[in-house]
């Protein structure tokens, strides 16, 4: 897939790539040069550990979208194609 960079240095990520990765407008991305190539990765969700009922629990630093049964079903269906 090919895209272009505008005079301001902005690159449009094609719609199909955004859909496949679940990218949303304003979503943080990490960019780096690796072996002479541009690498763009979805930024991870910041987490911290809390102890609840004596057990460590990973808690996101920011609210995250709830994972629904429908999302899981659709993802599994897409991966099986």
PDB file of N, CA and C in Angstrom:
ATOM      1  N   UNK A   1       0.854  -1.166   0.000  1.00  0.00           N
ATOM      2  CA  UNK A   1       0.000   0.000   0.000  1.00  0.00           C
ATOM      3  C   UNK A   1       0.903   1.233   0.000  1.00  0.00           C
ATOM      4  N   UNK A   2       0.541   2.220  -0.751  1.00  0.00           N
ATOM      5  CA  UNK A   2       1.375   3.410  -0.887  1.00  0.00           C
ATOM      6  C   UNK A   2       0.591   4.635  -0.435  1.00  0.00           C
ATOM      7  N   UNK A   3       1.308   5.570   0.190  1.00  0.00           N
ATOM      8  CA  UNK A   3       0.725   6.841   0.591  1.00  0.00           C
ATOM      9  C   UNK A   3       1.772   7.915   0.348  1.00  0.00           C
ATOM     10  N   UNK A   4       1.432   9.163   0.581  1.00  0.00           N
ATOM     11  CA  UNK A   4       2.376  10.256   0.366  1.00  0.00           C
ATOM     12  C   UNK A   4       2.469  11.130   1.604  1.00  0.00           C
ATOM     13  N   UNK A   5       3.523  11.929   1.642  1.00  0.00           N
ATOM     14  CA  UNK A   5       3.715  12.883   2.720  1.00  0.00           C
ATOM     15  C   UNK A   5       3.457  14.272   2.151  1.00  0.00           C
ATOM     16  N   UNK A   6       2.726  15.120   2.897  1.00  0.00           N
ATOM     17  CA  UNK A   6       2.475  16.468   2.397  1.00  0.00           C
ATOM     18  C   UNK A   6       3.619  17.397   2.805  1.00  0.00           C
ATOM     19  N   UNK A   7       3.531  18.663   2.395  1.00  0.00           N
ATOM     20  CA  UNK A   7       4.597  19.631   2.657  1.00  0.00           C
ATOM     21  C   UNK A   7       4.828  19.846   4.152  1.00  0.00           C
ATOM     22  N   UNK A   8       3.808  19.597   4.965  1.00  0.00           N
ATOM     23  CA  UNK A   8       3.933  19.750   6.413  1.00  0.00           C
ATOM     24  C   UNK A   8       4.488  18.512   7.098  1.00  0.00           C
ATOM     25  N   UNK A   9       4.806  17.474   6.324  1.00  0.00           N
ATOM     26  CA  UNK A   9       5.353  16.244   6.897  1.00  0.00           C
ATOM     27  C   UNK A   9       4.302  15.256   7.349  1.00  0.00           C
ATOM     28  N   UNK A  10       3.034  15.541   7.076  1.00  0.00           N
ATOM     29  CA  UNK A  10       1.955  14.649   7.500  1.00  0.00           C
ATOM     30  C   UNK A  10       1.773  13.508   6.509  1.00  0.00           C
ATOM     31  N   UNK A  11       1.545  12.323   7.061  1.00  0.00           N
ATOM     32  CA  UNK A  11       1.304  11.128   6.254  1.00  0.00           C
ATOM     33  C   UNK A  11      -0.081  10.605   6.604  1.00  0.00           C
ATOM     34  N   UNK A  12      -0.883  10.338   5.588  1.00  0.00           N
ATOM     35  CA  UNK A  12      -2.210   9.769   5.820  1.00  0.00           C
ATOM     36  C   UNK A  12      -2.079   8.254   5.890  1.00  0.00           C
ATOM     37  N   UNK A  13      -2.579   7.669   6.969  1.00  0.00           N
ATOM     38  CA  UNK A  13      -2.624   6.213   7.083  1.00  0.00           C
ATOM     39  C   UNK A  13      -3.890   5.773   6.361  1.00  0.00           C
ATOM     40  N   UNK A  14      -3.767   4.922   5.346  1.00  0.00           N
ATOM     41  CA  UNK A  14      -4.939   4.523   4.561  1.00  0.00           C
ATOM     42  C   UNK A  14      -6.072   3.967   5.431  1.00  0.00           C
ATOM     43  N   UNK A  15      -7.297   4.231   4.998  1.00  0.00           N
ATOM     44  CA  UNK A  15      -8.494   3.847   5.749  1.00  0.00           C
ATOM     45  C   UNK A  15      -8.502   2.365   6.111  1.00  0.00           C
ATOM     46  N   UNK A  16      -8.129   1.489   5.181  1.00  0.00           N
ATOM     47  CA  UNK A  16      -8.151   0.049   5.447  1.00  0.00           C
ATOM     48  C   UNK A  16      -7.161  -0.320   6.549  1.00  0.00           C
ATOM     49  N   UNK A  17      -6.008   0.325   6.569  1.00  0.00           N
ATOM     50  CA  UNK A  17      -5.021   0.066   7.627  1.00  0.00           C
ATOM     51  C   UNK A  17      -5.575   0.545   8.965  1.00  0.00           C
ATOM     52  N   UNK A  18      -6.181   1.740   8.976  1.00  0.00           N
ATOM     53  CA  UNK A  18      -6.780   2.253  10.219  1.00  0.00           C
ATOM     54  C   UNK A  18      -7.858   1.311  10.724  1.00  0.00           C
ATOM     55  N   UNK A  19      -8.661   0.782   9.813  1.00  0.00           N
ATOM     56  CA  UNK A  19      -9.739  -0.134  10.202  1.00  0.00           C
ATOM     57  C   UNK A  19      -9.158  -1.413  10.790  1.00  0.00           C
ATOM     58  N   UNK A  20      -8.176  -1.993  10.111  1.00  0.00           N
ATOM     59  CA  UNK A  20      -7.592  -3.250  10.581  1.00  0.00           C
ATOM     60  C   UNK A  20      -6.957  -3.105  11.959  1.00  0.00           C
ATOM     61  N   UNK A  21      -6.355  -1.944  12.224  1.00  0.00           N
ATOM     62  CA  UNK A  21      -5.685  -1.728  13.505  1.00  0.00           C
ATOM     63  C   UNK A  21      -6.592  -1.099  14.555  1.00  0.00           C
ATOM     64  N   UNK A  22      -7.794  -0.705  14.141  1.00  0.00           N
ATOM     65  CA  UNK A  22      -8.713  -0.070  15.085  1.00  0.00           C
ATOM     66  C   UNK A  22      -8.257   1.317  15.506  1.00  0.00           C
ATOM     67  N   UNK A  23      -7.536   2.010  14.628  1.00  0.00           N
ATOM     68  CA  UNK A  23      -7.029   3.341  14.958  1.00  0.00           C
ATOM     69  C   UNK A  23      -8.152   4.363  14.943  1.00  0.00           C
ATOM     70  N   UNK A  24      -8.093   5.279  15.901  1.00  0.00           N
ATOM     71  CA  UNK A  24      -9.087   6.337  16.022  1.00  0.00           C
ATOM     72  C   UNK A  24      -8.393   7.691  15.903  1.00  0.00           C
ATOM     73  N   UNK A  25      -9.102   8.733  15.430  1.00  0.00           N
ATOM     74  CA  UNK A  25      -8.503  10.065  15.351  1.00  0.00           C
ATOM     75  C   UNK A  25      -7.984  10.507  16.720  1.00  0.00           C
ATOM     76  N   UNK A  26      -6.792  11.077  16.731  1.00  0.00           N
ATOM     77  CA  UNK A  26      -6.195  11.554  17.974  1.00  0.00           C
ATOM     78  C   UNK A  26      -5.473  10.487  18.775  1.00  0.00           C
ATOM     79  N   UNK A  27      -5.501   9.251  18.312  1.00  0.00           N
ATOM     80  CA  UNK A  27      -4.854   8.156  19.041  1.00  0.00           C
ATOM     81  C   UNK A  27      -3.337   8.317  18.987  1.00  0.00           C
ATOM     82  N   UNK A  28      -2.656   8.195  20.131  1.00  0.00           N
ATOM     83  CA  UNK A  28      -1.195   8.321  20.134  1.00  0.00           C
ATOM     84  C   UNK A  28      -0.526   7.179  19.367  1.00  0.00           C
ATOM     85  N   UNK A  29       0.492   7.541  18.599  1.00  0.00           N
ATOM     86  CA  UNK A  29       1.290   6.569  17.859  1.00  0.00           C
ATOM     87  C   UNK A  29       2.759   6.832  18.177  1.00  0.00           C
ATOM     88  N   UNK A  30       3.562   5.785  18.205  1.00  0.00           N
ATOM     89  CA  UNK A  30       5.002   5.916  18.392  1.00  0.00           C
ATOM     90  C   UNK A  30       5.662   5.788  17.026  1.00  0.00           C
ATOM     91  N   UNK A  31       6.603   6.686  16.731  1.00  0.00           N
ATOM     92  CA  UNK A  31       7.296   6.647  15.449  1.00  0.00           C
ATOM     93  C   UNK A  31       8.799   6.594  15.705  1.00  0.00           C
ATOM     94  N   UNK A  32       9.497   5.792  14.918  1.00  0.00           N
ATOM     95  CA  UNK A  32      10.943   5.640  15.077  1.00  0.00           C
ATOM     96  C   UNK A  32      11.554   5.266  13.738  1.00  0.00           C
ATOM     97  N   UNK A  33      12.860   5.466  13.645  1.00  0.00           N
ATOM     98  CA  UNK A  33      13.611   4.993  12.486  1.00  0.00           C
ATOM     99  C   UNK A  33      14.311   3.712  12.928  1.00  0.00           C
ATOM    100  N   UNK A  34      14.024   2.617  12.226  1.00  0.00           N
ATOM    101  CA  UNK A  34      14.597   1.311  12.543  1.00  0.00           C
ATOM    102  C   UNK A  34      15.235   0.758  11.274  1.00  0.00           C
ATOM    103  N   UNK A  35      16.541   0.561  11.318  1.00  0.00           N
ATOM    104  CA  UNK A  35      17.265   0.028  10.157  1.00  0.00           C
ATOM    105  C   UNK A  35      16.955   0.802   8.876  1.00  0.00           C
ATOM    106  N   UNK A  36      16.906   2.129   8.981  1.00  0.00           N
ATOM    107  CA  UNK A  36      16.673   2.960   7.810  1.00  0.00           C
ATOM    108  C   UNK A  36      15.235   3.018   7.336  1.00  0.00           C
ATOM    109  N   UNK A  37      14.317   2.483   8.125  1.00  0.00           N
ATOM    110  CA  UNK A  37      12.891   2.503   7.768  1.00  0.00           C
ATOM    111  C   UNK A  37      12.108   3.243   8.846  1.00  0.00           C
ATOM    112  N   UNK A  38      10.990   3.804   8.437  1.00  0.00           N
ATOM    113  CA  UNK A  38      10.092   4.446   9.400  1.00  0.00           C
ATOM    114  C   UNK A  38       9.204   3.361   9.996  1.00  0.00           C
ATOM    115  N   UNK A  39       9.149   3.328  11.307  1.00  0.00           N
ATOM    116  CA  UNK A  39       8.300   2.365  12.013  1.00  0.00           C
ATOM    117  C   UNK A  39       7.263   3.139  12.811  1.00  0.00           C
ATOM    118  N   UNK A  40       5.995   2.823  12.598  1.00  0.00           N
ATOM    119  CA  UNK A  40       4.906   3.466  13.336  1.00  0.00           C
ATOM    120  C   UNK A  40       4.173   2.378  14.098  1.00  0.00           C
ATOM    121  N   UNK A  41       4.093   2.541  15.412  1.00  0.00           N
ATOM    122  CA  UNK A  41       3.430   1.559  16.264  1.00  0.00           C
ATOM    123  C   UNK A  41       2.331   2.232  17.072  1.00  0.00           C
ATOM    124  N   UNK A  42       1.295   1.486  17.345  1.00  0.00           N
ATOM    125  CA  UNK A  42       0.237   1.971  18.222  1.00  0.00           C
ATOM    126  C   UNK A  42       0.827   2.080  19.623  1.00  0.00           C
ATOM    127  N   UNK A  43       0.683   3.245  20.242  1.00  0.00           N
ATOM    128  CA  UNK A  43       1.207   3.426  21.593  1.00  0.00           C
ATOM    129  C   UNK A  43       0.459   2.533  22.560  1.00  0.00           C
ATOM    130  N   UNK A  44       1.193   1.973  23.483  1.00  0.00           N
ATOM    131  CA  UNK A  44       0.574   1.128  24.495  1.00  0.00           C
ATOM    132  C   UNK A  44      -0.238   1.950  25.482  1.00  0.00           C
ATOM    133  N   UNK A  45      -1.091   1.288  26.176  1.00  0.00           N
ATOM    134  CA  UNK A  45      -1.906   1.933  27.200  1.00  0.00           C
ATOM    135  C   UNK A  45      -1.095   1.955  28.488  1.00  0.00           C
ATOM    136  N   UNK A  46      -0.960   3.135  29.078  1.00  0.00           N
ATOM    137  CA  UNK A  46      -0.254   3.237  30.352  1.00  0.00           C
ATOM    138  C   UNK A  46      -1.005   2.471  31.435  1.00  0.00           C
ATOM    139  N   UNK A  47      -0.258   1.723  32.212  1.00  0.00           N
ATOM    140  CA  UNK A  47      -0.856   0.912  33.282  1.00  0.00           C
ATOM    141  C   UNK A  47      -0.074   1.096  34.575  1.00  0.00           C
ATOM    142  N   UNK A  48      -0.731   0.828  35.657  1.00  0.00           N
ATOM    143  CA  UNK A  48      -0.059   0.742  36.946  1.00  0.00           C
ATOM    144  C   UNK A  48      -0.667  -0.421  37.716  1.00  0.00           C
ATOM    145  N   UNK A  49       0.067  -0.913  38.703  1.00  0.00           N
ATOM    146  CA  UNK A  49      -0.424  -2.040  39.497  1.00  0.00           C
ATOM    147  C   UNK A  49      -1.047  -1.543  40.784  1.00  0.00           C
ATOM    148  N   UNK A  50      -2.168  -2.140  41.124  1.00  0.00           N
ATOM    149  CA  UNK A  50      -2.825  -1.921  42.412  1.00  0.00           C
ATOM    150  C   UNK A  50      -3.027  -3.281  43.046  1.00  0.00           C
ATOM    151  N   UNK A  51      -2.997  -3.310  44.351  1.00  0.00           N
ATOM    152  CA  UNK A  51      -3.260  -4.564  45.055  1.00  0.00           C
ATOM    153  C   UNK A  51      -4.714  -4.541  45.502  1.00  0.00           C
ATOM    154  N   UNK A  52      -5.462  -5.545  45.053  1.00  0.00           N
ATOM    155  CA  UNK A  52      -6.878  -5.673  45.414  1.00  0.00           C
ATOM    156  C   UNK A  52      -7.094  -7.063  45.975  1.00  0.00           C
ATOM    157  N   UNK A  53      -7.626  -7.119  47.151  1.00  0.00           N
ATOM    158  CA  UNK A  53      -7.845  -8.398  47.831  1.00  0.00           C
ATOM    159  C   UNK A  53      -6.555  -9.212  47.897  1.00  0.00           C
ATOM    160  N   UNK A  54      -5.436  -8.514  48.095  1.00  0.00           N
ATOM    161  CA  UNK A  54      -4.154  -9.186  48.237  1.00  0.00           C
ATOM    162  C   UNK A  54      -3.508  -9.611  46.934  1.00  0.00           C
ATOM    163  N   UNK A  55      -4.113  -9.284  45.800  1.00  0.00           N
ATOM    164  CA  UNK A  55      -3.574  -9.690  44.500  1.00  0.00           C
ATOM    165  C   UNK A  55      -3.258  -8.463  43.644  1.00  0.00           C
ATOM    166  N   UNK A  56      -2.153  -8.513  42.857  1.00  0.00           N
ATOM    167  CA  UNK A  56      -1.853  -7.384  41.972  1.00  0.00           C
ATOM    168  C   UNK A  56      -2.809  -7.359  40.778  1.00  0.00           C
ATOM    169  N   UNK A  57      -3.280  -6.165  40.456  1.00  0.00           N
ATOM    170  CA  UNK A  57      -4.201  -5.978  39.331  1.00  0.00           C
ATOM    171  C   UNK A  57      -3.655  -4.845  38.464  1.00  0.00           C
ATOM    172  N   UNK A  58      -3.541  -5.090  37.148  1.00  0.00           N
ATOM    173  CA  UNK A  58      -3.115  -4.040  36.218  1.00  0.00           C
ATOM    174  C   UNK A  58      -4.304  -3.128  35.943  1.00  0.00           C
ATOM    175  N   UNK A  59      -4.121  -1.833  36.176  1.00  0.00           N
ATOM    176  CA  UNK A  59      -5.192  -0.855  36.015  1.00  0.00           C
ATOM    177  C   UNK A  59      -4.737   0.191  34.991  1.00  0.00           C
ATOM    178  N   UNK A  60      -5.558   0.455  33.947  1.00  0.00           N
ATOM    179  CA  UNK A  60      -5.158   1.454  32.946  1.00  0.00           C
ATOM    180  C   UNK A  60      -5.127   2.854  33.553  1.00  0.00           C
ATOM    181  N   UNK A  61      -4.170   3.676  33.087  1.00  0.00           N
ATOM    182  CA  UNK A  61      -4.054   5.049  33.573  1.00  0.00           C
ATOM    183  C   UNK A  61      -5.159   5.945  33.023  1.00  0.00           C
ATOM    184  N   UNK A  62      -5.741   5.556  31.891  1.00  0.00           N
ATOM    185  CA  UNK A  62      -6.820   6.317  31.267  1.00  0.00           C
ATOM    186  C   UNK A  62      -7.984   5.375  31.003  1.00  0.00           C
ATOM    187  N   UNK A  63      -9.205   5.904  30.906  1.00  0.00           N
ATOM    188  CA  UNK A  63     -10.343   5.032  30.592  1.00  0.00           C
ATOM    189  C   UNK A  63     -10.129   4.319  29.257  1.00  0.00           C
ATOM    190  N   UNK A  64     -10.517   3.064  29.194  1.00  0.00           N
ATOM    191  CA  UNK A  64     -10.413   2.292  27.952  1.00  0.00           C
ATOM    192  C   UNK A  64     -11.798   1.788  27.570  1.00  0.00           C
ATOM    193  N   UNK A  65     -11.986   1.596  26.270  1.00  0.00           N
ATOM    194  CA  UNK A  65     -13.263   1.104  25.764  1.00  0.00           C
ATOM    195  C   UNK A  65     -13.503  -0.314  26.270  1.00  0.00           C
ATOM    196  N   UNK A  66     -14.719  -0.577  26.721  1.00  0.00           N
ATOM    197  CA  UNK A  66     -15.059  -1.900  27.233  1.00  0.00           C
ATOM    198  C   UNK A  66     -15.096  -2.914  26.098  1.00  0.00           C
ATOM    199  N   UNK A  67     -14.501  -4.063  26.336  1.00  0.00           N
ATOM    200  CA  UNK A  67     -14.500  -5.144  25.358  1.00  0.00           C
ATOM    201  C   UNK A  67     -15.831  -5.880  25.460  1.00  0.00           C
ATOM    202  N   UNK A  68     -16.557  -5.929  24.347  1.00  0.00           N
ATOM    203  CA  UNK A  68     -17.863  -6.579  24.347  1.00  0.00           C
ATOM    204  C   UNK A  68     -17.781  -7.943  23.674  1.00  0.00           C
ATOM    205  N   UNK A  69     -18.766  -8.772  23.933  1.00  0.00           N
ATOM    206  CA  UNK A  69     -18.834 -10.087  23.296  1.00  0.00           C
ATOM    207  C   UNK A  69     -18.935  -9.936  21.783  1.00  0.00           C
ATOM    208  N   UNK A  70     -19.625  -8.915  21.317  1.00  0.00           N
ATOM    209  CA  UNK A  70     -19.766  -8.680  19.879  1.00  0.00           C
ATOM    210  C   UNK A  70     -18.416  -8.338  19.245  1.00  0.00           C
ATOM    211  N   UNK A  71     -17.619  -7.520  19.924  1.00  0.00           N
ATOM    212  CA  UNK A  71     -16.290  -7.184  19.411  1.00  0.00           C
ATOM    213  C   UNK A  71     -15.420  -8.426  19.314  1.00  0.00           C
ATOM    214  N   UNK A  72     -15.454  -9.269  20.325  1.00  0.00           N
ATOM    215  CA  UNK A  72     -14.677 -10.515  20.319  1.00  0.00           C
ATOM    216  C   UNK A  72     -15.137 -11.406  19.175  1.00  0.00           C
ATOM    217  N   UNK A  73     -16.450 -11.564  19.009  1.00  0.00           N
ATOM    218  CA  UNK A  73     -16.990 -12.411  17.948  1.00  0.00           C
ATOM    219  C   UNK A  73     -16.552 -11.905  16.581  1.00  0.00           C
ATOM    220  N   UNK A  74     -16.685 -10.602  16.346  1.00  0.00           N
ATOM    221  CA  UNK A  74     -16.322 -10.023  15.051  1.00  0.00           C
ATOM    222  C   UNK A  74     -14.825 -10.173  14.779  1.00  0.00           C
ATOM    223  N   UNK A  75     -14.013 -10.001  15.798  1.00  0.00           N
ATOM    224  CA  UNK A  75     -12.563 -10.144  15.636  1.00  0.00           C
ATOM    225  C   UNK A  75     -12.189 -11.575  15.304  1.00  0.00           C
ATOM    226  N   UNK A  76     -12.756 -12.529  16.020  1.00  0.00           N
ATOM    227  CA  UNK A  76     -12.480 -13.945  15.752  1.00  0.00           C
ATOM    228  C   UNK A  76     -12.926 -14.305  14.341  1.00  0.00           C
ATOM    229  N   UNK A  77     -14.100 -13.830  13.951  1.00  0.00           N
ATOM    230  CA  UNK A  77     -14.617 -14.110  12.604  1.00  0.00           C
ATOM    231  C   UNK A  77     -13.683 -13.551  11.532  1.00  0.00           C
ATOM    232  N   UNK A  78     -13.198 -12.333  11.738  1.00  0.00           N
ATOM    233  CA  UNK A  78     -12.295 -11.710  10.762  1.00  0.00           C
ATOM    234  C   UNK A  78     -10.964 -12.465  10.683  1.00  0.00           C
ATOM    235  N   UNK A  79     -10.452 -12.911  11.810  1.00  0.00           N
ATOM    236  CA  UNK A  79      -9.181 -13.636  11.823  1.00  0.00           C
ATOM    237  C   UNK A  79      -9.287 -15.005  11.164  1.00  0.00           C
ATOM    238  N   UNK A  80     -10.445 -15.588  11.175  1.00  0.00           N
ATOM    239  CA  UNK A  80     -10.636 -16.913  10.579  1.00  0.00           C
ATOM    240  C   UNK A  80     -10.744 -16.861   9.061  1.00  0.00           C
ATOM    241  N   UNK A  81     -10.959 -15.679   8.501  1.00  0.00           N
ATOM    242  CA  UNK A  81     -11.095 -15.550   7.040  1.00  0.00           C
ATOM    243  C   UNK A  81      -9.774 -15.710   6.357  1.00  0.00           C
TER     244      UNK A  81
END
